[in-house]
């Protein structure tokens, strides 16, 4: 824990902390699996349907892997400058110094 120029400890505010990387990874993985599930449904529908619907399903089955990978690799942007120090109140400071 660092201190500010007045010697008071700086504590990270919970509201400005970054989100858990595991939560971000799980959300991206879920989105990828849903997109690939839609692709699988498009493959099945391409064999069952006829006409323009068949070719639409084939087109989606070809394009969806690219879209799924691009969105799965896209991380949430890091926010610069949102981290701010919080000076604890006296009862909290005593607990931190122990």
C-alpha atoms as a PDB file:
ATOM      1  CA  UNK A   1       0.000   0.000   0.000  1.00  0.00           C
ATOM      2  CA  UNK A   2       1.387   3.394  -0.959  1.00  0.00           C
ATOM      3  CA  UNK A   3       0.973   6.687   0.793  1.00  0.00           C
ATOM      4  CA  UNK A   4       0.119  10.127  -0.516  1.00  0.00           C
ATOM      5  CA  UNK A   5       2.266  13.258   0.135  1.00  0.00           C
ATOM      6  CA  UNK A   6       0.536  13.839   3.488  1.00  0.00           C
ATOM      7  CA  UNK A   7       1.511  10.365   4.716  1.00  0.00           C
ATOM      8  CA  UNK A   8      -2.006   8.932   4.555  1.00  0.00           C
ATOM      9  CA  UNK A   9      -2.406   5.473   3.032  1.00  0.00           C
ATOM     10  CA  UNK A  10      -4.061   5.224  -0.393  1.00  0.00           C
ATOM     11  CA  UNK A  11      -6.663   2.515  -0.782  1.00  0.00           C
ATOM     12  CA  UNK A  12      -8.091   1.345  -4.110  1.00  0.00           C
ATOM     13  CA  UNK A  13     -11.785   2.115  -4.412  1.00  0.00           C
ATOM     14  CA  UNK A  14     -13.852  -0.984  -5.166  1.00  0.00           C
ATOM     15  CA  UNK A  15     -16.036   0.903  -7.622  1.00  0.00           C
ATOM     16  CA  UNK A  16     -13.054   1.755  -9.829  1.00  0.00           C
ATOM     17  CA  UNK A  17     -11.393  -1.672  -9.707  1.00  0.00           C
ATOM     18  CA  UNK A  18     -11.181  -3.642 -12.939  1.00  0.00           C
ATOM     19  CA  UNK A  19     -13.571  -6.499 -13.545  1.00  0.00           C
ATOM     20  CA  UNK A  20     -12.424 -10.034 -12.904  1.00  0.00           C
ATOM     21  CA  UNK A  21     -10.508 -11.441 -15.929  1.00  0.00           C
ATOM     22  CA  UNK A  22     -12.208 -14.820 -15.427  1.00  0.00           C
ATOM     23  CA  UNK A  23     -15.626 -13.197 -15.813  1.00  0.00           C
ATOM     24  CA  UNK A  24     -14.515 -11.563 -19.060  1.00  0.00           C
ATOM     25  CA  UNK A  25     -13.126 -14.859 -20.364  1.00  0.00           C
ATOM     26  CA  UNK A  26     -16.294 -16.764 -19.438  1.00  0.00           C
ATOM     27  CA  UNK A  27     -18.500 -14.182 -21.173  1.00  0.00           C
ATOM     28  CA  UNK A  28     -16.404 -14.318 -24.341  1.00  0.00           C
ATOM     29  CA  UNK A  29     -16.384 -18.127 -24.295  1.00  0.00           C
ATOM     30  CA  UNK A  30     -20.162 -18.236 -23.884  1.00  0.00           C
ATOM     31  CA  UNK A  31     -20.605 -15.828 -26.800  1.00  0.00           C
ATOM     32  CA  UNK A  32     -18.289 -17.967 -28.957  1.00  0.00           C
ATOM     33  CA  UNK A  33     -20.183 -21.164 -28.138  1.00  0.00           C
ATOM     34  CA  UNK A  34     -23.549 -19.569 -28.894  1.00  0.00           C
ATOM     35  CA  UNK A  35     -22.279 -18.310 -32.253  1.00  0.00           C
ATOM     36  CA  UNK A  36     -20.877 -21.722 -33.142  1.00  0.00           C
ATOM     37  CA  UNK A  37     -24.180 -23.319 -32.089  1.00  0.00           C
ATOM     38  CA  UNK A  38     -25.982 -21.032 -34.531  1.00  0.00           C
ATOM     39  CA  UNK A  39     -23.459 -22.109 -37.190  1.00  0.00           C
ATOM     40  CA  UNK A  40     -24.224 -25.769 -36.487  1.00  0.00           C
ATOM     41  CA  UNK A  41     -27.946 -25.044 -36.833  1.00  0.00           C
ATOM     42  CA  UNK A  42     -27.234 -23.329 -40.157  1.00  0.00           C
ATOM     43  CA  UNK A  43     -25.433 -26.461 -41.407  1.00  0.00           C
ATOM     44  CA  UNK A  44     -28.410 -28.625 -40.490  1.00  0.00           C
ATOM     45  CA  UNK A  45     -30.884 -26.189 -42.043  1.00  0.00           C
ATOM     46  CA  UNK A  46     -28.801 -26.049 -45.236  1.00  0.00           C
ATOM     47  CA  UNK A  47     -29.550 -29.754 -45.796  1.00  0.00           C
ATOM     48  CA  UNK A  48     -33.220 -29.517 -44.850  1.00  0.00           C
ATOM     49  CA  UNK A  49     -34.318 -26.317 -46.612  1.00  0.00           C
ATOM     50  CA  UNK A  50     -34.443 -25.311 -50.280  1.00  0.00           C
ATOM     51  CA  UNK A  51     -34.050 -22.135 -52.319  1.00  0.00           C
ATOM     52  CA  UNK A  52     -32.808 -18.846 -50.934  1.00  0.00           C
ATOM     53  CA  UNK A  53     -33.060 -20.052 -47.333  1.00  0.00           C
ATOM     54  CA  UNK A  54     -30.585 -22.861 -48.044  1.00  0.00           C
ATOM     55  CA  UNK A  55     -28.060 -20.438 -49.538  1.00  0.00           C
ATOM     56  CA  UNK A  56     -28.526 -18.018 -46.659  1.00  0.00           C
ATOM     57  CA  UNK A  57     -27.757 -20.828 -44.203  1.00  0.00           C
ATOM     58  CA  UNK A  58     -24.690 -21.856 -46.212  1.00  0.00           C
ATOM     59  CA  UNK A  59     -23.474 -18.244 -46.270  1.00  0.00           C
ATOM     60  CA  UNK A  60     -23.949 -17.895 -42.518  1.00  0.00           C
ATOM     61  CA  UNK A  61     -22.192 -21.223 -41.902  1.00  0.00           C
ATOM     62  CA  UNK A  62     -19.198 -19.888 -43.828  1.00  0.00           C
ATOM     63  CA  UNK A  63     -19.087 -16.412 -42.242  1.00  0.00           C
ATOM     64  CA  UNK A  64     -19.982 -17.188 -38.608  1.00  0.00           C
ATOM     65  CA  UNK A  65     -16.619 -18.784 -37.616  1.00  0.00           C
ATOM     66  CA  UNK A  66     -14.809 -15.563 -38.514  1.00  0.00           C
ATOM     67  CA  UNK A  67     -17.329 -13.464 -36.580  1.00  0.00           C
ATOM     68  CA  UNK A  68     -17.160 -15.828 -33.590  1.00  0.00           C
ATOM     69  CA  UNK A  69     -13.356 -15.655 -33.407  1.00  0.00           C
ATOM     70  CA  UNK A  70     -13.233 -11.874 -33.787  1.00  0.00           C
ATOM     71  CA  UNK A  71     -15.754 -11.347 -30.994  1.00  0.00           C
ATOM     72  CA  UNK A  72     -14.154 -14.005 -28.778  1.00  0.00           C
ATOM     73  CA  UNK A  73     -10.773 -12.288 -29.041  1.00  0.00           C
ATOM     74  CA  UNK A  74     -12.178  -8.818 -28.369  1.00  0.00           C
ATOM     75  CA  UNK A  75     -11.537  -7.880 -24.773  1.00  0.00           C
ATOM     76  CA  UNK A  76     -13.256  -5.126 -22.882  1.00  0.00           C
ATOM     77  CA  UNK A  77     -11.352  -1.884 -23.362  1.00  0.00           C
ATOM     78  CA  UNK A  78      -9.187  -0.811 -20.480  1.00  0.00           C
ATOM     79  CA  UNK A  79     -10.306   2.464 -19.035  1.00  0.00           C
ATOM     80  CA  UNK A  80      -7.464   4.861 -18.414  1.00  0.00           C
ATOM     81  CA  UNK A  81      -7.754   7.394 -15.652  1.00  0.00           C
ATOM     82  CA  UNK A  82     -10.682   5.875 -13.765  1.00  0.00           C
ATOM     83  CA  UNK A  83      -8.549   4.568 -10.894  1.00  0.00           C
ATOM     84  CA  UNK A  84      -8.703   6.916  -7.958  1.00  0.00           C
ATOM     85  CA  UNK A  85      -7.277   6.712  -4.486  1.00  0.00           C
ATOM     86  CA  UNK A  86      -9.531   6.742  -1.450  1.00  0.00           C
ATOM     87  CA  UNK A  87      -8.351   8.001   1.912  1.00  0.00           C
ATOM     88  CA  UNK A  88      -9.804   5.704   4.605  1.00  0.00           C
ATOM     89  CA  UNK A  89     -11.664   7.094   7.585  1.00  0.00           C
ATOM     90  CA  UNK A  90     -10.091   6.868  11.037  1.00  0.00           C
ATOM     91  CA  UNK A  91     -11.640   3.513  12.141  1.00  0.00           C
ATOM     92  CA  UNK A  92     -10.603   1.932   8.855  1.00  0.00           C
ATOM     93  CA  UNK A  93      -7.102   3.419   9.065  1.00  0.00           C
ATOM     94  CA  UNK A  94      -6.542   1.806  12.461  1.00  0.00           C
ATOM     95  CA  UNK A  95      -7.482  -1.601  11.020  1.00  0.00           C
ATOM     96  CA  UNK A  96      -5.111  -1.130   8.083  1.00  0.00           C
ATOM     97  CA  UNK A  97      -2.167  -0.169  10.272  1.00  0.00           C
ATOM     98  CA  UNK A  98      -2.397  -3.292  12.463  1.00  0.00           C
END
